[in-house]
Amino acid sequence: MGARFIVGAVMVIFAYLSTSQACNWHDSVALYRNGLAVNPRSFVCYNNLGKIYESRGDDIYAHELYAKAVQMNPNFAVGYTNLAGLAMVAGKSDEAISLFQIALKEQPDCGGAHAGLANALMSRHEYAAALHEWVATVKFVPDSARARYTLGLTLMHLGEDKKAIVQFQDALDLQPSLSVAKEMLRQTASRAEPKPNTR
């Protein structure tokens, strides 16, 4: 009976949380739609609605909303970055790179656009170009452990193991639980160790 009571209580909690999350989602959608009713040219409302629908898996409608955001404000770097992210998910790296570049033209210090462009370049094995973007990402988002980890990966691909080790260590200083950084640090440090002379 005690076990059944616990299971029942857990189910009630999950049901409440699901309902609460759904209400929050609907409330957010209503908030931004009301914002658009007041100001139909609010690029921020279009963008934020796009993020909500993208988080729900509706990339097609999210794309429409992001496109509307940059239509309302052609200088909106975040909107271009979000469109580029959708292009990457769809496997359209050329389009993604072009959109990330537009975002950076509008806002050169946009860390998300630098990181996105770096990822797009890495997907095409253009590591030297990606390195430049990861360095910029770390400059503008210095507390990102993931950025430092991926900078380390890029340096590894370029044969810069000692520099990669520094980035993996920095990533772990920022986020000690980042297991991928721990593993890559172990592998890179092992590879960088001098080989014993067998003669």
C-alpha atoms as a PDB file:
ATOM      1  CA  MET A   1       0.000   0.000   0.000  1.00  0.00           C
ATOM      2  CA  GLY A   2       2.851   2.358   0.839  1.00  0.00           C
ATOM      3  CA  ALA A   3       4.490   1.730  -2.550  1.00  0.00           C
ATOM      4  CA  ARG A   4       1.201   2.357  -4.361  1.00  0.00           C
ATOM      5  CA  PHE A   5       0.755   5.597  -2.448  1.00  0.00           C
ATOM      6  CA  ILE A   6       4.266   6.756  -3.431  1.00  0.00           C
ATOM      7  CA  VAL A   7       3.753   5.837  -7.100  1.00  0.00           C
ATOM      8  CA  GLY A   8       0.412   7.619  -7.076  1.00  0.00           C
ATOM      9  CA  ALA A   9       1.925  10.714  -5.510  1.00  0.00           C
ATOM     10  CA  VAL A  10       4.738  10.761  -8.060  1.00  0.00           C
ATOM     11  CA  MET A  11       2.210  10.491 -10.912  1.00  0.00           C
ATOM     12  CA  VAL A  12       0.226  13.401  -9.489  1.00  0.00           C
ATOM     13  CA  ILE A  13       3.404  15.492  -9.272  1.00  0.00           C
ATOM     14  CA  PHE A  14       4.352  14.657 -12.878  1.00  0.00           C
ATOM     15  CA  ALA A  15       0.838  15.498 -14.043  1.00  0.00           C
ATOM     16  CA  TYR A  16       0.999  18.808 -12.207  1.00  0.00           C
ATOM     17  CA  LEU A  17       4.409  19.644 -13.656  1.00  0.00           C
ATOM     18  CA  SER A  18       3.285  18.774 -17.194  1.00  0.00           C
ATOM     19  CA  THR A  19       0.200  20.946 -16.812  1.00  0.00           C
ATOM     20  CA  SER A  20       2.269  23.738 -15.287  1.00  0.00           C
ATOM     21  CA  GLN A  21       4.793  23.611 -18.148  1.00  0.00           C
ATOM     22  CA  ALA A  22       1.994  23.611 -20.708  1.00  0.00           C
ATOM     23  CA  CYS A  23       0.422  26.621 -19.002  1.00  0.00           C
ATOM     24  CA  ASN A  24       3.761  28.417 -18.978  1.00  0.00           C
ATOM     25  CA  TRP A  25       4.217  27.680 -22.674  1.00  0.00           C
ATOM     26  CA  HIS A  26       0.719  28.875 -23.539  1.00  0.00           C
ATOM     27  CA  ASP A  27       1.160  31.928 -21.312  1.00  0.00           C
ATOM     28  CA  SER A  28       4.408  32.839 -23.092  1.00  0.00           C
ATOM     29  CA  VAL A  29       2.830  32.445 -26.522  1.00  0.00           C
ATOM     30  CA  ALA A  30      -0.114  34.582 -25.422  1.00  0.00           C
ATOM     31  CA  LEU A  31       2.262  37.198 -24.011  1.00  0.00           C
ATOM     32  CA  TYR A  32       4.189  37.607 -27.262  1.00  0.00           C
ATOM     33  CA  ARG A  33       1.066  37.456 -29.411  1.00  0.00           C
ATOM     34  CA  ASN A  34      -0.447  40.212 -27.287  1.00  0.00           C
ATOM     35  CA  GLY A  35       2.780  42.140 -27.774  1.00  0.00           C
ATOM     36  CA  LEU A  36       2.390  41.800 -31.535  1.00  0.00           C
ATOM     37  CA  ALA A  37      -1.219  42.937 -31.319  1.00  0.00           C
ATOM     38  CA  VAL A  38       0.031  46.126 -29.655  1.00  0.00           C
ATOM     39  CA  ASN A  39       3.089  46.494 -31.906  1.00  0.00           C
ATOM     40  CA  PRO A  40       2.918  44.400 -35.105  1.00  0.00           C
ATOM     41  CA  ARG A  41       6.509  45.350 -35.942  1.00  0.00           C
ATOM     42  CA  SER A  42       8.017  43.977 -32.722  1.00  0.00           C
ATOM     43  CA  PHE A  43      10.943  41.919 -34.024  1.00  0.00           C
ATOM     44  CA  VAL A  44      11.701  40.794 -30.458  1.00  0.00           C
ATOM     45  CA  CYS A  45       8.233  39.237 -30.098  1.00  0.00           C
ATOM     46  CA  TYR A  46       8.606  37.431 -33.441  1.00  0.00           C
ATOM     47  CA  ASN A  47      12.033  36.150 -32.433  1.00  0.00           C
ATOM     48  CA  ASN A  48      10.919  34.986 -28.980  1.00  0.00           C
ATOM     49  CA  LEU A  49       7.895  33.227 -30.435  1.00  0.00           C
ATOM     50  CA  GLY A  50      10.275  31.537 -32.851  1.00  0.00           C
ATOM     51  CA  LYS A  51      12.386  30.248 -29.950  1.00  0.00           C
ATOM     52  CA  ILE A  52       9.291  28.830 -28.274  1.00  0.00           C
ATOM     53  CA  TYR A  53       8.143  26.978 -31.390  1.00  0.00           C
ATOM     54  CA  GLU A  54      11.670  25.790 -32.157  1.00  0.00           C
ATOM     55  CA  SER A  55      11.867  24.362 -28.627  1.00  0.00           C
ATOM     56  CA  ARG A  56       8.628  22.494 -29.362  1.00  0.00           C
ATOM     57  CA  GLY A  57      10.112  20.988 -32.526  1.00  0.00           C
ATOM     58  CA  ASP A  58       8.198  23.140 -35.009  1.00  0.00           C
ATOM     59  CA  ASP A  59      11.191  24.319 -37.041  1.00  0.00           C
ATOM     60  CA  ILE A  60       9.085  25.323 -40.057  1.00  0.00           C
ATOM     61  CA  TYR A  61       6.975  27.806 -38.119  1.00  0.00           C
ATOM     62  CA  ALA A  62      10.014  28.933 -36.118  1.00  0.00           C
ATOM     63  CA  HIS A  63      11.750  29.737 -39.408  1.00  0.00           C
ATOM     64  CA  GLU A  64       8.782  31.863 -40.502  1.00  0.00           C
ATOM     65  CA  LEU A  65       8.903  33.787 -37.234  1.00  0.00           C
ATOM     66  CA  TYR A  66      12.674  34.368 -37.339  1.00  0.00           C
ATOM     67  CA  ALA A  67      12.370  35.512 -40.959  1.00  0.00           C
ATOM     68  CA  LYS A  68       9.665  37.927 -39.898  1.00  0.00           C
ATOM     69  CA  ALA A  69      11.907  39.235 -37.121  1.00  0.00           C
ATOM     70  CA  VAL A  70      14.743  40.124 -39.512  1.00  0.00           C
ATOM     71  CA  GLN A  71      12.217  41.524 -41.968  1.00  0.00           C
ATOM     72  CA  MET A  72      11.042  43.899 -39.242  1.00  0.00           C
ATOM     73  CA  ASN A  73      14.643  44.699 -38.255  1.00  0.00           C
ATOM     74  CA  PRO A  74      17.256  43.901 -40.941  1.00  0.00           C
ATOM     75  CA  ASN A  75      20.028  44.683 -38.421  1.00  0.00           C
ATOM     76  CA  PHE A  76      18.876  42.046 -35.903  1.00  0.00           C
ATOM     77  CA  ALA A  77      21.913  39.773 -35.497  1.00  0.00           C
ATOM     78  CA  VAL A  78      20.177  37.310 -33.159  1.00  0.00           C
ATOM     79  CA  GLY A  79      17.460  36.683 -35.753  1.00  0.00           C
ATOM     80  CA  TYR A  80      20.042  35.809 -38.423  1.00  0.00           C
ATOM     81  CA  THR A  81      21.848  33.583 -35.913  1.00  0.00           C
ATOM     82  CA  ASN A  82      18.626  31.702 -35.171  1.00  0.00           C
ATOM     83  CA  LEU A  83      17.892  31.273 -38.885  1.00  0.00           C
ATOM     84  CA  ALA A  84      21.435  29.980 -39.359  1.00  0.00           C
ATOM     85  CA  GLY A  85      20.952  27.473 -36.541  1.00  0.00           C
ATOM     86  CA  LEU A  86      17.877  26.065 -38.289  1.00  0.00           C
ATOM     87  CA  ALA A  87      19.823  25.872 -41.544  1.00  0.00           C
ATOM     88  CA  MET A  88      22.521  23.846 -39.778  1.00  0.00           C
ATOM     89  CA  VAL A  89      19.931  21.445 -38.381  1.00  0.00           C
ATOM     90  CA  ALA A  90      18.583  21.018 -41.918  1.00  0.00           C
ATOM     91  CA  GLY A  91      22.083  20.220 -43.212  1.00  0.00           C
ATOM     92  CA  LYS A  92      22.396  23.451 -45.206  1.00  0.00           C
ATOM     93  CA  SER A  93      25.880  24.514 -44.166  1.00  0.00           C
ATOM     94  CA  ASP A  94      26.383  27.000 -47.013  1.00  0.00           C
ATOM     95  CA  GLU A  95      23.201  28.851 -46.081  1.00  0.00           C
ATOM     96  CA  ALA A  96      24.094  28.686 -42.383  1.00  0.00           C
ATOM     97  CA  ILE A  97      27.558  30.150 -42.966  1.00  0.00           C
ATOM     98  CA  SER A  98      26.103  32.987 -45.029  1.00  0.00           C
ATOM     99  CA  LEU A  99      23.551  33.801 -42.314  1.00  0.00           C
ATOM    100  CA  PHE A 100      26.135  33.664 -39.517  1.00  0.00           C
ATOM    101  CA  GLN A 101      28.318  36.047 -41.523  1.00  0.00           C
ATOM    102  CA  ILE A 102      25.406  38.462 -41.923  1.00  0.00           C
ATOM    103  CA  ALA A 103      24.809  38.293 -38.160  1.00  0.00           C
ATOM    104  CA  LEU A 104      28.457  39.102 -37.468  1.00  0.00           C
ATOM    105  CA  LYS A 105      28.421  41.974 -39.933  1.00  0.00           C
ATOM    106  CA  GLU A 106      25.543  43.441 -37.921  1.00  0.00           C
ATOM    107  CA  GLN A 107      27.008  42.592 -34.505  1.00  0.00           C
ATOM    108  CA  PRO A 108      30.706  41.651 -34.518  1.00  0.00           C
ATOM    109  CA  ASP A 109      30.694  40.789 -30.795  1.00  0.00           C
ATOM    110  CA  CYS A 110      27.853  38.244 -31.071  1.00  0.00           C
ATOM    111  CA  GLY A 111      29.400  35.205 -29.391  1.00  0.00           C
ATOM    112  CA  GLY A 112      26.579  32.906 -30.481  1.00  0.00           C
ATOM    113  CA  ALA A 113      27.134  33.783 -34.136  1.00  0.00           C
ATOM    114  CA  HIS A 114      30.897  33.206 -33.833  1.00  0.00           C
ATOM    115  CA  ALA A 115      30.269  29.812 -32.201  1.00  0.00           C
ATOM    116  CA  GLY A 116      27.675  28.868 -34.801  1.00  0.00           C
ATOM    117  CA  LEU A 117      29.961  29.845 -37.665  1.00  0.00           C
ATOM    118  CA  ALA A 118      32.806  27.882 -36.075  1.00  0.00           C
ATOM    119  CA  ASN A 119      30.618  24.766 -35.833  1.00  0.00           C
ATOM    120  CA  ALA A 120      29.504  25.164 -39.442  1.00  0.00           C
ATOM    121  CA  LEU A 121      33.116  25.448 -40.599  1.00  0.00           C
ATOM    122  CA  MET A 122      34.128  22.419 -38.522  1.00  0.00           C
ATOM    123  CA  SER A 123      31.343  20.395 -40.135  1.00  0.00           C
ATOM    124  CA  ARG A 124      33.182  21.041 -43.411  1.00  0.00           C
ATOM    125  CA  HIS A 125      36.599  20.252 -41.864  1.00  0.00           C
ATOM    126  CA  GLU A 126      37.719  23.864 -42.313  1.00  0.00           C
ATOM    127  CA  TYR A 127      39.569  23.863 -39.010  1.00  0.00           C
ATOM    128  CA  ALA A 128      41.885  26.826 -39.601  1.00  0.00           C
ATOM    129  CA  ALA A 129      38.921  29.094 -40.345  1.00  0.00           C
ATOM    130  CA  ALA A 130      36.979  27.583 -37.430  1.00  0.00           C
ATOM    131  CA  LEU A 131      39.889  28.325 -35.087  1.00  0.00           C
ATOM    132  CA  HIS A 132      39.540  32.047 -35.734  1.00  0.00           C
ATOM    133  CA  GLU A 133      35.840  31.895 -34.827  1.00  0.00           C
ATOM    134  CA  TRP A 134      36.387  29.858 -31.638  1.00  0.00           C
ATOM    135  CA  VAL A 135      39.030  32.345 -30.466  1.00  0.00           C
ATOM    136  CA  ALA A 136      36.481  35.114 -31.021  1.00  0.00           C
ATOM    137  CA  THR A 137      33.806  33.118 -29.191  1.00  0.00           C
ATOM    138  CA  VAL A 138      36.021  32.690 -26.137  1.00  0.00           C
ATOM    139  CA  LYS A 139      36.859  36.395 -26.250  1.00  0.00           C
ATOM    140  CA  PHE A 140      33.195  37.434 -26.201  1.00  0.00           C
ATOM    141  CA  VAL A 141      31.889  34.561 -24.015  1.00  0.00           C
ATOM    142  CA  PRO A 142      34.844  33.885 -21.692  1.00  0.00           C
ATOM    143  CA  ASP A 143      32.831  31.830 -19.187  1.00  0.00           C
ATOM    144  CA  SER A 144      31.692  29.213 -21.702  1.00  0.00           C
ATOM    145  CA  ALA A 145      33.298  25.871 -20.865  1.00  0.00           C
ATOM    146  CA  ARG A 146      31.845  24.347 -24.048  1.00  0.00           C
ATOM    147  CA  ALA A 147      33.461  27.037 -26.193  1.00  0.00           C
ATOM    148  CA  ARG A 148      36.866  26.405 -24.629  1.00  0.00           C
ATOM    149  CA  TYR A 149      36.412  22.648 -25.006  1.00  0.00           C
ATOM    150  CA  THR A 150      35.567  22.975 -28.693  1.00  0.00           C
ATOM    151  CA  LEU A 151      38.447  25.406 -29.207  1.00  0.00           C
ATOM    152  CA  GLY A 152      40.623  22.651 -27.775  1.00  0.00           C
ATOM    153  CA  LEU A 153      39.189  20.127 -30.246  1.00  0.00           C
ATOM    154  CA  THR A 154      39.907  22.482 -33.121  1.00  0.00           C
ATOM    155  CA  LEU A 155      43.497  22.932 -31.964  1.00  0.00           C
ATOM    156  CA  MET A 156      43.834  19.141 -31.780  1.00  0.00           C
ATOM    157  CA  HIS A 157      42.732  18.822 -35.395  1.00  0.00           C
ATOM    158  CA  LEU A 158      45.412  21.360 -36.309  1.00  0.00           C
ATOM    159  CA  GLY A 159      48.101  19.398 -34.461  1.00  0.00           C
ATOM    160  CA  GLU A 160      48.411  21.963 -31.650  1.00  0.00           C
ATOM    161  CA  ASP A 161      48.166  19.494 -28.769  1.00  0.00           C
ATOM    162  CA  LYS A 162      49.879  21.647 -26.126  1.00  0.00           C
ATOM    163  CA  LYS A 163      47.549  24.562 -26.811  1.00  0.00           C
ATOM    164  CA  ALA A 164      44.595  22.161 -26.849  1.00  0.00           C
ATOM    165  CA  ILE A 165      45.534  20.891 -23.375  1.00  0.00           C
ATOM    166  CA  VAL A 166      45.397  24.448 -22.025  1.00  0.00           C
ATOM    167  CA  GLN A 167      41.877  24.897 -23.401  1.00  0.00           C
ATOM    168  CA  PHE A 168      40.655  21.574 -21.997  1.00  0.00           C
ATOM    169  CA  GLN A 169      42.057  22.517 -18.594  1.00  0.00           C
ATOM    170  CA  ASP A 170      40.383  25.925 -18.790  1.00  0.00           C
ATOM    171  CA  ALA A 171      37.095  24.249 -19.702  1.00  0.00           C
ATOM    172  CA  LEU A 172      37.346  21.998 -16.669  1.00  0.00           C
ATOM    173  CA  ASP A 173      38.192  24.931 -14.422  1.00  0.00           C
ATOM    174  CA  LEU A 174      34.921  26.502 -15.546  1.00  0.00           C
ATOM    175  CA  GLN A 175      32.898  23.269 -15.453  1.00  0.00           C
ATOM    176  CA  PRO A 176      34.591  20.413 -13.569  1.00  0.00           C
ATOM    177  CA  SER A 177      31.813  17.980 -14.504  1.00  0.00           C
ATOM    178  CA  LEU A 178      32.389  18.356 -18.272  1.00  0.00           C
ATOM    179  CA  SER A 179      33.289  14.723 -18.900  1.00  0.00           C
ATOM    180  CA  VAL A 180      34.135  15.130 -22.595  1.00  0.00           C
ATOM    181  CA  ALA A 181      36.790  17.694 -21.674  1.00  0.00           C
ATOM    182  CA  LYS A 182      38.222  15.283 -19.071  1.00  0.00           C
ATOM    183  CA  GLU A 183      38.465  12.507 -21.654  1.00  0.00           C
ATOM    184  CA  MET A 184      40.017  14.706 -24.351  1.00  0.00           C
ATOM    185  CA  LEU A 185      42.480  16.142 -21.837  1.00  0.00           C
ATOM    186  CA  ARG A 186      43.518  12.591 -20.908  1.00  0.00           C
ATOM    187  CA  GLN A 187      43.921  11.558 -24.548  1.00  0.00           C
ATOM    188  CA  THR A 188      45.766  14.694 -25.614  1.00  0.00           C
ATOM    189  CA  ALA A 189      48.088  14.707 -22.591  1.00  0.00           C
ATOM    190  CA  SER A 190      48.913  11.041 -23.237  1.00  0.00           C
ATOM    191  CA  ARG A 191      49.640  11.769 -26.876  1.00  0.00           C
ATOM    192  CA  ALA A 192      51.804  14.769 -25.978  1.00  0.00           C
ATOM    193  CA  GLU A 193      53.981  12.776 -23.557  1.00  0.00           C
ATOM    194  CA  PRO A 194      57.483  12.062 -24.893  1.00  0.00           C
ATOM    195  CA  LYS A 195      57.843   8.490 -26.117  1.00  0.00           C
ATOM    196  CA  PRO A 196      60.385   6.352 -24.220  1.00  0.00           C
ATOM    197  CA  ASN A 197      63.583   5.566 -26.068  1.00  0.00           C
ATOM    198  CA  THR A 198      63.497   1.843 -26.773  1.00  0.00           C
ATOM    199  CA  ARG A 199      67.056   1.663 -28.104  1.00  0.00           C
END
